[in-house]
C-alpha atoms as a PDB file:
ATOM      1  CA  MET A   1      74.775 -51.944 -64.554  1.00  0.00           C
ATOM      2  CA  ARG A   2      72.928 -54.833 -64.561  1.00  0.00           C
ATOM      3  CA  PRO A   3      72.488 -55.661 -61.205  1.00  0.00           C
ATOM      4  CA  ARG A   4      71.322 -52.102 -60.399  1.00  0.00           C
ATOM      5  CA  ARG A   5      68.754 -52.368 -63.092  1.00  0.00           C
ATOM      6  CA  MET A   6      67.848 -55.600 -61.494  1.00  0.00           C
ATOM      7  CA  HIS A   7      67.842 -54.074 -57.761  1.00  0.00           C
ATOM      8  CA  ARG A   8      65.221 -51.227 -59.350  1.00  0.00           C
ATOM      9  CA  SER A   9      62.911 -53.610 -60.871  1.00  0.00           C
ATOM     10  CA  PHE A  10      62.981 -55.452 -58.373  1.00  0.00           C
ATOM     11  CA  PHE A  11      62.193 -52.923 -55.176  1.00  0.00           C
ATOM     12  CA  ARG A  12      59.168 -51.930 -58.510  1.00  0.00           C
ATOM     13  CA  ARG A  13      57.305 -55.486 -58.228  1.00  0.00           C
ATOM     14  CA  HIS A  14      57.495 -55.659 -54.263  1.00  0.00           C
ATOM     15  CA  ARG A  15      57.060 -52.149 -52.740  1.00  0.00           C
ATOM     16  CA  PHE A  16      55.568 -51.707 -50.249  1.00  0.00           C
ATOM     17  CA  PRO A  17      51.764 -50.628 -50.631  1.00  0.00           C
ATOM     18  CA  LEU A  18      51.749 -47.783 -48.690  1.00  0.00           C
ATOM     19  CA  ARG A  19      48.408 -46.110 -49.206  1.00  0.00           C
ATOM     20  CA  ARG A  20      47.166 -49.333 -48.777  1.00  0.00           C
ATOM     21  CA  GLY A  21      48.644 -49.283 -45.292  1.00  0.00           C
ATOM     22  CA  ILE A  22      47.848 -46.549 -44.344  1.00  0.00           C
ATOM     23  CA  GLY A  23      44.352 -46.769 -45.692  1.00  0.00           C
ATOM     24  CA  LEU A  24      43.781 -49.702 -42.403  1.00  0.00           C
ATOM     25  CA  LEU A  25      44.987 -46.791 -40.149  1.00  0.00           C
ATOM     26  CA  PRO A  26      41.573 -45.980 -39.881  1.00  0.00           C
ATOM     27  CA  GLY A  27      39.475 -48.874 -39.337  1.00  0.00           C
ATOM     28  CA  LEU A  28      41.965 -49.998 -36.890  1.00  0.00           C
ATOM     29  CA  LEU A  29      41.199 -46.852 -34.864  1.00  0.00           C
ATOM     30  CA  THR A  30      37.407 -47.854 -34.904  1.00  0.00           C
ATOM     31  CA  LEU A  31      38.332 -50.993 -33.438  1.00  0.00           C
ATOM     32  CA  GLY A  32      40.232 -49.836 -30.868  1.00  0.00           C
ATOM     33  CA  ASN A  33      37.871 -47.165 -30.072  1.00  0.00           C
ATOM     34  CA  LEU A  34      35.148 -50.980 -29.775  1.00  0.00           C
ATOM     35  CA  SER A  35      37.757 -52.530 -27.742  1.00  0.00           C
ATOM     36  CA  LEU A  36      38.149 -49.898 -25.214  1.00  0.00           C
ATOM     37  CA  GLY A  37      34.402 -49.873 -25.256  1.00  0.00           C
ATOM     38  CA  MET A  38      33.891 -53.575 -24.488  1.00  0.00           C
ATOM     39  CA  MET A  39      37.072 -53.135 -21.713  1.00  0.00           C
ATOM     40  CA  ALA A  40      34.902 -50.470 -20.201  1.00  0.00           C
ATOM     41  CA  LEU A  41      31.775 -52.292 -20.364  1.00  0.00           C
ATOM     42  CA  LEU A  42      33.843 -55.483 -18.301  1.00  0.00           C
ATOM     43  CA  ASN A  43      35.312 -52.857 -16.067  1.00  0.00           C
ATOM     44  CA  ILE A  44      31.244 -52.416 -14.892  1.00  0.00           C
ATOM     45  CA  LEU A  45      30.408 -55.523 -14.778  1.00  0.00           C
ATOM     46  CA  HIS A  46      33.392 -55.860 -12.038  1.00  0.00           C
ATOM     47  CA  GLY A  47      32.761 -52.735 -10.765  1.00  0.00           C
ATOM     48  CA  ARG A  48      35.544 -50.686 -11.127  1.00  0.00           C
ATOM     49  CA  LEU A  49      33.294 -47.502 -13.048  1.00  0.00           C
ATOM     50  CA  GLU A  50      35.947 -44.850 -12.672  1.00  0.00           C
ATOM     51  CA  ARG A  51      38.224 -46.940 -15.251  1.00  0.00           C
ATOM     52  CA  ALA A  52      35.675 -47.757 -17.354  1.00  0.00           C
ATOM     53  CA  ALA A  53      34.175 -43.802 -17.797  1.00  0.00           C
ATOM     54  CA  TRP A  54      38.138 -42.951 -18.575  1.00  0.00           C
ATOM     55  CA  MET A  55      37.907 -45.773 -21.277  1.00  0.00           C
ATOM     56  CA  VAL A  56      35.195 -43.984 -22.716  1.00  0.00           C
ATOM     57  CA  VAL A  57      36.706 -40.898 -22.685  1.00  0.00           C
ATOM     58  CA  ALA A  58      39.521 -42.847 -24.751  1.00  0.00           C
ATOM     59  CA  ALA A  59      37.212 -43.965 -26.655  1.00  0.00           C
ATOM     60  CA  ILE A  60      36.227 -40.375 -27.559  1.00  0.00           C
ATOM     61  CA  VAL A  61      39.681 -39.574 -28.464  1.00  0.00           C
ATOM     62  CA  LEU A  62      40.209 -42.762 -30.975  1.00  0.00           C
ATOM     63  CA  ASP A  63      36.552 -41.945 -32.730  1.00  0.00           C
ATOM     64  CA  SER A  64      38.657 -38.443 -33.428  1.00  0.00           C
ATOM     65  CA  LEU A  65      41.350 -39.193 -34.786  1.00  0.00           C
ATOM     66  CA  ASP A  66      39.902 -42.055 -37.155  1.00  0.00           C
ATOM     67  CA  GLY A  67      37.625 -39.741 -39.122  1.00  0.00           C
ATOM     68  CA  TRP A  68      40.392 -37.012 -38.602  1.00  0.00           C
ATOM     69  CA  VAL A  69      42.977 -39.757 -40.402  1.00  0.00           C
ATOM     70  CA  ALA A  70      40.375 -41.246 -42.952  1.00  0.00           C
ATOM     71  CA  ARG A  71      40.057 -37.216 -43.918  1.00  0.00           C
ATOM     72  CA  THR A  72      43.639 -36.596 -44.243  1.00  0.00           C
ATOM     73  CA  THR A  73      44.418 -39.824 -46.250  1.00  0.00           C
ATOM     74  CA  ARG A  74      41.652 -39.420 -48.300  1.00  0.00           C
ATOM     75  CA  THR A  75      41.081 -43.161 -47.107  1.00  0.00           C
ATOM     76  CA  ALA A  76      37.287 -42.370 -46.061  1.00  0.00           C
ATOM     77  CA  SER A  77      35.297 -45.006 -47.193  1.00  0.00           C
ATOM     78  CA  ALA A  78      31.547 -46.746 -46.997  1.00  0.00           C
ATOM     79  CA  LEU A  79      32.521 -49.782 -45.150  1.00  0.00           C
ATOM     80  CA  GLY A  80      34.648 -47.132 -42.526  1.00  0.00           C
ATOM     81  CA  LEU A  81      31.515 -45.390 -42.016  1.00  0.00           C
ATOM     82  CA  GLN A  82      28.962 -48.168 -41.385  1.00  0.00           C
ATOM     83  CA  LEU A  83      32.292 -49.658 -38.855  1.00  0.00           C
ATOM     84  CA  ASP A  84      32.611 -45.830 -36.997  1.00  0.00           C
ATOM     85  CA  SER A  85      28.673 -46.710 -36.396  1.00  0.00           C
ATOM     86  CA  LEU A  86      28.764 -49.755 -34.950  1.00  0.00           C
ATOM     87  CA  ALA A  87      31.733 -49.126 -32.574  1.00  0.00           C
ATOM     88  CA  ASP A  88      30.105 -45.718 -31.459  1.00  0.00           C
ATOM     89  CA  LEU A  89      27.040 -47.641 -30.984  1.00  0.00           C
ATOM     90  CA  VAL A  90      28.643 -49.786 -28.524  1.00  0.00           C
ATOM     91  CA  SER A  91      30.851 -47.272 -27.274  1.00  0.00           C
ATOM     92  CA  PHE A  92      28.976 -44.100 -26.164  1.00  0.00           C
ATOM     93  CA  GLY A  93      25.750 -45.892 -26.364  1.00  0.00           C
ATOM     94  CA  VAL A  94      25.227 -48.963 -24.783  1.00  0.00           C
ATOM     95  CA  VAL A  95      28.460 -48.435 -22.138  1.00  0.00           C
ATOM     96  CA  PRO A  96      27.805 -44.683 -20.592  1.00  0.00           C
ATOM     97  CA  ALA A  97      23.843 -46.352 -20.364  1.00  0.00           C
ATOM     98  CA  ILE A  98      24.427 -48.957 -18.384  1.00  0.00           C
ATOM     99  CA  LEU A  99      27.509 -47.217 -16.479  1.00  0.00           C
ATOM    100  CA  LEU A 100      25.330 -43.811 -15.109  1.00  0.00           C
ATOM    101  CA  TYR A 101      22.797 -47.073 -14.307  1.00  0.00           C
ATOM    102  CA  ARG A 102      25.147 -48.676 -12.156  1.00  0.00           C
ATOM    103  CA  TRP A 103      26.648 -45.749 -10.645  1.00  0.00           C
ATOM    104  CA  THR A 104      23.034 -44.349  -9.647  1.00  0.00           C
ATOM    105  CA  GLY A 105      22.894 -47.136  -7.752  1.00  0.00           C
ATOM    106  CA  ALA A 106      19.053 -47.961  -9.657  1.00  0.00           C
ATOM    107  CA  SER A 107      19.450 -51.454  -9.241  1.00  0.00           C
ATOM    108  CA  ALA A 108      18.616 -51.434  -5.367  1.00  0.00           C
ATOM    109  CA  ALA A 109      16.120 -48.272  -5.870  1.00  0.00           C
ATOM    110  CA  VAL A 110      12.799 -48.943  -5.023  1.00  0.00           C
ATOM    111  CA  PRO A 111      11.011 -50.725  -7.663  1.00  0.00           C
ATOM    112  CA  VAL A 112       9.690 -47.095  -9.324  1.00  0.00           C
ATOM    113  CA  ALA A 113      12.937 -45.391  -9.916  1.00  0.00           C
ATOM    114  CA  ARG A 114      14.171 -49.128 -11.152  1.00  0.00           C
ATOM    115  CA  SER A 115      11.867 -49.303 -13.712  1.00  0.00           C
ATOM    116  CA  PHE A 116      12.566 -45.610 -14.376  1.00  0.00           C
ATOM    117  CA  ALA A 117      16.621 -45.953 -14.809  1.00  0.00           C
ATOM    118  CA  VAL A 118      15.332 -48.909 -17.327  1.00  0.00           C
ATOM    119  CA  ALA A 119      13.537 -46.986 -19.559  1.00  0.00           C
ATOM    120  CA  MET A 120      15.722 -44.620 -19.665  1.00  0.00           C
ATOM    121  CA  VAL A 121      18.332 -46.997 -20.522  1.00  0.00           C
ATOM    122  CA  LEU A 122      16.328 -48.332 -22.852  1.00  0.00           C
ATOM    123  CA  PHE A 123      15.655 -44.618 -24.200  1.00  0.00           C
ATOM    124  CA  TYR A 124      19.245 -43.687 -24.172  1.00  0.00           C
ATOM    125  CA  THR A 125      20.595 -46.409 -26.658  1.00  0.00           C
ATOM    126  CA  ALA A 126      17.469 -47.032 -28.951  1.00  0.00           C
ATOM    127  CA  CYS A 127      17.725 -42.667 -29.405  1.00  0.00           C
ATOM    128  CA  THR A 128      21.802 -43.252 -30.115  1.00  0.00           C
ATOM    129  CA  ALA A 129      21.049 -46.157 -32.974  1.00  0.00           C
ATOM    130  CA  LEU A 130      18.456 -43.662 -34.326  1.00  0.00           C
ATOM    131  CA  ARG A 131      21.541 -40.945 -34.582  1.00  0.00           C
ATOM    132  CA  LEU A 132      23.979 -43.001 -35.434  1.00  0.00           C
ATOM    133  CA  ALA A 133      21.378 -44.576 -38.242  1.00  0.00           C
ATOM    134  CA  ARG A 134      20.073 -40.697 -39.728  1.00  0.00           C
ATOM    135  CA  PHE A 135      23.920 -39.031 -39.501  1.00  0.00           C
ATOM    136  CA  ASN A 136      24.982 -42.953 -42.306  1.00  0.00           C
ATOM    137  CA  VAL A 137      21.766 -41.241 -44.667  1.00  0.00           C
ATOM    138  CA  ILE A 138      22.267 -37.922 -44.508  1.00  0.00           C
ATOM    139  CA  ALA A 139      26.298 -38.040 -44.513  1.00  0.00           C
ATOM    140  CA  PRO A 140      26.570 -37.612 -47.888  1.00  0.00           C
ATOM    141  CA  THR A 141      24.807 -34.497 -48.547  1.00  0.00           C
ATOM    142  CA  ALA A 142      25.415 -32.802 -44.904  1.00  0.00           C
ATOM    143  CA  ASP A 143      27.470 -30.054 -44.767  1.00  0.00           C
ATOM    144  CA  PRO A 144      30.574 -30.905 -43.140  1.00  0.00           C
ATOM    145  CA  ARG A 145      30.709 -27.804 -40.858  1.00  0.00           C
ATOM    146  CA  PHE A 146      27.921 -29.144 -38.508  1.00  0.00           C
ATOM    147  CA  PHE A 147      26.542 -32.015 -37.338  1.00  0.00           C
ATOM    148  CA  VAL A 148      21.991 -32.806 -37.094  1.00  0.00           C
ATOM    149  CA  GLY A 149      21.585 -33.312 -33.622  1.00  0.00           C
ATOM    150  CA  LEU A 150      23.785 -34.224 -30.902  1.00  0.00           C
ATOM    151  CA  PRO A 151      27.028 -36.123 -31.603  1.00  0.00           C
ATOM    152  CA  SER A 152      26.705 -39.120 -29.703  1.00  0.00           C
ATOM    153  CA  PRO A 153      30.673 -39.103 -28.402  1.00  0.00           C
ATOM    154  CA  GLY A 154      29.289 -35.526 -27.299  1.00  0.00           C
ATOM    155  CA  ALA A 155      26.347 -37.057 -25.611  1.00  0.00           C
ATOM    156  CA  ALA A 156      28.902 -39.856 -23.672  1.00  0.00           C
ATOM    157  CA  ALA A 157      31.608 -37.604 -22.294  1.00  0.00           C
ATOM    158  CA  LEU A 158      29.176 -35.605 -20.413  1.00  0.00           C
ATOM    159  CA  GLY A 159      27.241 -38.748 -19.166  1.00  0.00           C
ATOM    160  CA  VAL A 160      30.964 -40.669 -18.128  1.00  0.00           C
ATOM    161  CA  THR A 161      32.550 -37.232 -16.305  1.00  0.00           C
ATOM    162  CA  THR A 162      29.584 -36.465 -14.811  1.00  0.00           C
ATOM    163  CA  THR A 163      30.248 -39.606 -12.747  1.00  0.00           C
ATOM    164  CA  LEU A 164      33.785 -38.739 -12.858  1.00  0.00           C
ATOM    165  CA  ALA A 165      33.073 -35.443 -11.339  1.00  0.00           C
ATOM    166  CA  PHE A 166      30.052 -35.430  -8.929  1.00  0.00           C
ATOM    167  CA  PRO A 167      30.194 -38.399  -5.746  1.00  0.00           C
ATOM    168  CA  ARG A 168      27.962 -41.405  -6.158  1.00  0.00           C
ATOM    169  CA  PRO A 169      24.544 -41.001  -4.909  1.00  0.00           C
ATOM    170  CA  SER A 170      22.862 -43.282  -2.748  1.00  0.00           C
ATOM    171  CA  SER A 171      20.427 -45.609  -3.837  1.00  0.00           C
ATOM    172  CA  ASP A 172      17.689 -43.708  -1.359  1.00  0.00           C
ATOM    173  CA  SER A 173      18.823 -40.609  -2.444  1.00  0.00           C
ATOM    174  CA  PRO A 174      16.225 -38.296  -4.564  1.00  0.00           C
ATOM    175  CA  LEU A 175      19.745 -37.069  -6.215  1.00  0.00           C
ATOM    176  CA  LEU A 176      19.061 -40.796  -7.661  1.00  0.00           C
ATOM    177  CA  LEU A 177      16.580 -39.447 -10.388  1.00  0.00           C
ATOM    178  CA  GLY A 178      19.510 -37.054 -11.465  1.00  0.00           C
ATOM    179  CA  PRO A 179      21.799 -38.861 -13.841  1.00  0.00           C
ATOM    180  CA  LEU A 180      18.379 -40.391 -15.365  1.00  0.00           C
ATOM    181  CA  VAL A 181      17.284 -37.419 -16.589  1.00  0.00           C
ATOM    182  CA  LEU A 182      19.993 -36.360 -17.958  1.00  0.00           C
ATOM    183  CA  MET A 183      20.551 -38.929 -19.778  1.00  0.00           C
ATOM    184  CA  GLY A 184      16.797 -38.725 -20.990  1.00  0.00           C
ATOM    185  CA  MET A 185      17.707 -35.301 -22.013  1.00  0.00           C
ATOM    186  CA  LEU A 186      21.132 -36.050 -23.593  1.00  0.00           C
ATOM    187  CA  ALA A 187      18.867 -38.828 -25.679  1.00  0.00           C
ATOM    188  CA  VAL A 188      16.403 -36.530 -27.033  1.00  0.00           C
ATOM    189  CA  LEU A 189      19.191 -33.483 -28.334  1.00  0.00           C
ATOM    190  CA  MET A 190      20.737 -36.561 -29.988  1.00  0.00           C
ATOM    191  CA  VAL A 191      17.816 -37.271 -32.151  1.00  0.00           C
ATOM    192  CA  SER A 192      16.586 -33.087 -32.550  1.00  0.00           C
ATOM    193  CA  ARG A 193      17.187 -31.193 -35.240  1.00  0.00           C
ATOM    194  CA  LEU A 194      19.985 -28.859 -33.633  1.00  0.00           C
ATOM    195  CA  ARG A 195      22.870 -28.115 -35.350  1.00  0.00           C
ATOM    196  CA  TYR A 196      26.077 -29.110 -33.476  1.00  0.00           C
ATOM    197  CA  ARG A 197      29.836 -27.864 -34.925  1.00  0.00           C
ATOM    198  CA  SER A 198      31.879 -30.451 -36.763  1.00  0.00           C
ATOM    199  CA  PHE A 199      34.962 -29.067 -36.082  1.00  0.00           C
ATOM    200  CA  LYS A 200      36.455 -30.349 -39.639  1.00  0.00           C
ATOM    201  CA  ARG A 201      37.339 -27.050 -40.429  1.00  0.00           C
ATOM    202  CA  LEU A 202      39.091 -24.809 -38.126  1.00  0.00           C
ATOM    203  CA  GLU A 203      37.810 -21.780 -39.152  1.00  0.00           C
ATOM    204  CA  ALA A 204      38.865 -20.107 -35.943  1.00  0.00           C
ATOM    205  CA  TYR A 205      42.582 -21.369 -36.390  1.00  0.00           C
ATOM    206  CA  ARG A 206      42.719 -19.966 -39.814  1.00  0.00           C
ATOM    207  CA  ARG A 207      41.496 -16.465 -38.300  1.00  0.00           C
ATOM    208  CA  TRP A 208      42.874 -16.411 -35.064  1.00  0.00           C
ATOM    209  CA  PRO A 209      45.715 -18.895 -34.730  1.00  0.00           C
ATOM    210  CA  LEU A 210      47.560 -17.896 -31.733  1.00  0.00           C
ATOM    211  CA  ALA A 211      44.344 -17.310 -29.849  1.00  0.00           C
ATOM    212  CA  THR A 212      44.029 -20.320 -31.041  1.00  0.00           C
ATOM    213  CA  LEU A 213      47.068 -22.055 -30.022  1.00  0.00           C
ATOM    214  CA  ALA A 214      46.843 -20.277 -26.832  1.00  0.00           C
ATOM    215  CA  THR A 215      43.273 -21.297 -25.894  1.00  0.00           C
ATOM    216  CA  VAL A 216      44.279 -24.896 -26.399  1.00  0.00           C
ATOM    217  CA  ALA A 217      47.610 -24.872 -24.224  1.00  0.00           C
ATOM    218  CA  LEU A 218      44.750 -22.901 -21.729  1.00  0.00           C
ATOM    219  CA  LEU A 219      42.541 -26.332 -21.782  1.00  0.00           C
ATOM    220  CA  LEU A 220      45.656 -28.740 -21.752  1.00  0.00           C
ATOM    221  CA  ALA A 221      46.856 -26.774 -18.784  1.00  0.00           C
ATOM    222  CA  LEU A 222      43.516 -27.122 -16.913  1.00  0.00           C
ATOM    223  CA  ALA A 223      43.211 -30.180 -18.062  1.00  0.00           C
ATOM    224  CA  LEU A 224      46.097 -31.721 -16.575  1.00  0.00           C
ATOM    225  CA  SER A 225      45.388 -30.320 -13.058  1.00  0.00           C
ATOM    226  CA  TYR A 226      41.964 -30.639 -12.936  1.00  0.00           C
ATOM    227  CA  PRO A 227      40.842 -33.230 -15.418  1.00  0.00           C
ATOM    228  CA  HIS A 228      37.392 -34.310 -13.975  1.00  0.00           C
ATOM    229  CA  TRP A 229      36.314 -30.964 -13.824  1.00  0.00           C
ATOM    230  CA  THR A 230      37.601 -29.561 -16.941  1.00  0.00           C
ATOM    231  CA  LEU A 231      36.568 -32.831 -18.638  1.00  0.00           C
ATOM    232  CA  TRP A 232      32.566 -32.345 -17.678  1.00  0.00           C
ATOM    233  CA  ALA A 233      32.845 -28.499 -17.600  1.00  0.00           C
ATOM    234  CA  GLY A 234      33.585 -28.481 -21.358  1.00  0.00           C
ATOM    235  CA  SER A 235      30.550 -31.530 -22.818  1.00  0.00           C
ATOM    236  CA  VAL A 236      28.142 -28.894 -20.031  1.00  0.00           C
ATOM    237  CA  ALA A 237      29.551 -26.573 -22.907  1.00  0.00           C
ATOM    238  CA  TYR A 238      29.883 -28.296 -25.920  1.00  0.00           C
ATOM    239  CA  VAL A 239      25.567 -29.749 -25.348  1.00  0.00           C
ATOM    240  CA  LEU A 240      24.471 -26.368 -24.508  1.00  0.00           C
ATOM    241  CA  SER A 241      26.481 -24.966 -27.579  1.00  0.00           C
ATOM    242  CA  GLY A 242      23.222 -26.847 -29.693  1.00  0.00           C
ATOM    243  CA  PRO A 243      20.524 -24.756 -28.246  1.00  0.00           C
ATOM    244  CA  ALA A 244      22.236 -21.327 -27.586  1.00  0.00           C
ATOM    245  CA  ALA A 245      23.148 -21.011 -31.675  1.00  0.00           C
ATOM    246  CA  ARG A 246      19.165 -22.409 -32.100  1.00  0.00           C
ATOM    247  CA  LEU A 247      18.522 -19.660 -29.268  1.00  0.00           C
ATOM    248  CA  SER A 248      20.674 -17.054 -30.800  1.00  0.00           C
ATOM    249  CA  GLY A 249      19.506 -17.758 -34.577  1.00  0.00           C
ATOM    250  CA  SER A 250      15.770 -17.340 -33.412  1.00  0.00           C
ATOM    251  CA  LEU A 251      16.406 -13.826 -31.554  1.00  0.00           C
ATOM    252  CA  ARG A 252      18.034 -12.495 -34.916  1.00  0.00           C
ATOM    253  CA  ARG A 253      15.834 -13.765 -36.891  1.00  0.00           C
ATOM    254  CA  ALA A 254      12.685 -12.170 -34.901  1.00  0.00           C
ATOM    255  CA  PRO A 255      10.038  -9.562 -36.425  1.00  0.00           C
ATOM    256  CA  ALA A 256      10.777  -6.462 -35.957  1.00  0.00           C
ATOM    257  CA  ARG A 257       7.746  -5.508 -33.923  1.00  0.00           C
ATOM    258  CA  TYR A 258       8.769  -7.907 -31.064  1.00  0.00           C
ATOM    259  CA  ARG A 259      12.191  -5.636 -30.888  1.00  0.00           C
ATOM    260  CA  VAL A 260      12.562  -3.490 -28.267  1.00  0.00           C
ATOM    261  CA  GLU A 261      13.220   0.047 -29.831  1.00  0.00           C
ATOM    262  CA  PRO A 262      15.585   2.431 -28.446  1.00  0.00           C
ATOM    263  CA  PRO A 263      14.390   5.322 -26.595  1.00  0.00           C
END
């Protein structure tokens, strides 16, 4: 009996702190997000733009996972929140702006277009920083079902998937301004007061589990068959969901005198 008691007491004193180990996982995922952002930036500097775009997509996946893991294991912390915002500023603020700048060839364009491109890069990065700072301030009291303003991963997703889905414009083409205007619009949406679904609580899965699983299966099949266009279309749908929800709410709250009565 004595050896067994010694065996149990030994493991009680030296047992592995499992909860502490699980608590490190969200931070490691966040650091993975940051590392992918830095690797994407290095690939942009070497001209490997498509590889950089896919690295940003992978960073978006890690960013989604770290929040889910932190909520599931109940290991969310103020330090993790700040670290996540710093990583997002690099991966979803700096990298997409520079990627679009290099992809459009704005550095070789006419001086007016080049100056506009530089202004959009600075504006997009500044709005990303403001969006993340506001999120950190209002996060403790905000409705977990919604984000206020377009999330920076959603803006980055549309920016980088545009470079994957469409051919690269030439430096003397008028289409050069399209991605730059898109960058400015995404920046405005990030600092707006529009509400976007956070998907932290999947009410659709609870109400219609089979339909939700079928939809996810269809999206996965499309993503495997047409990855560029599927990711781009999904990003467009999410970006437009905020203005569409605001417009729908405004129409529902419209005064009765502005509504057309049936004959």
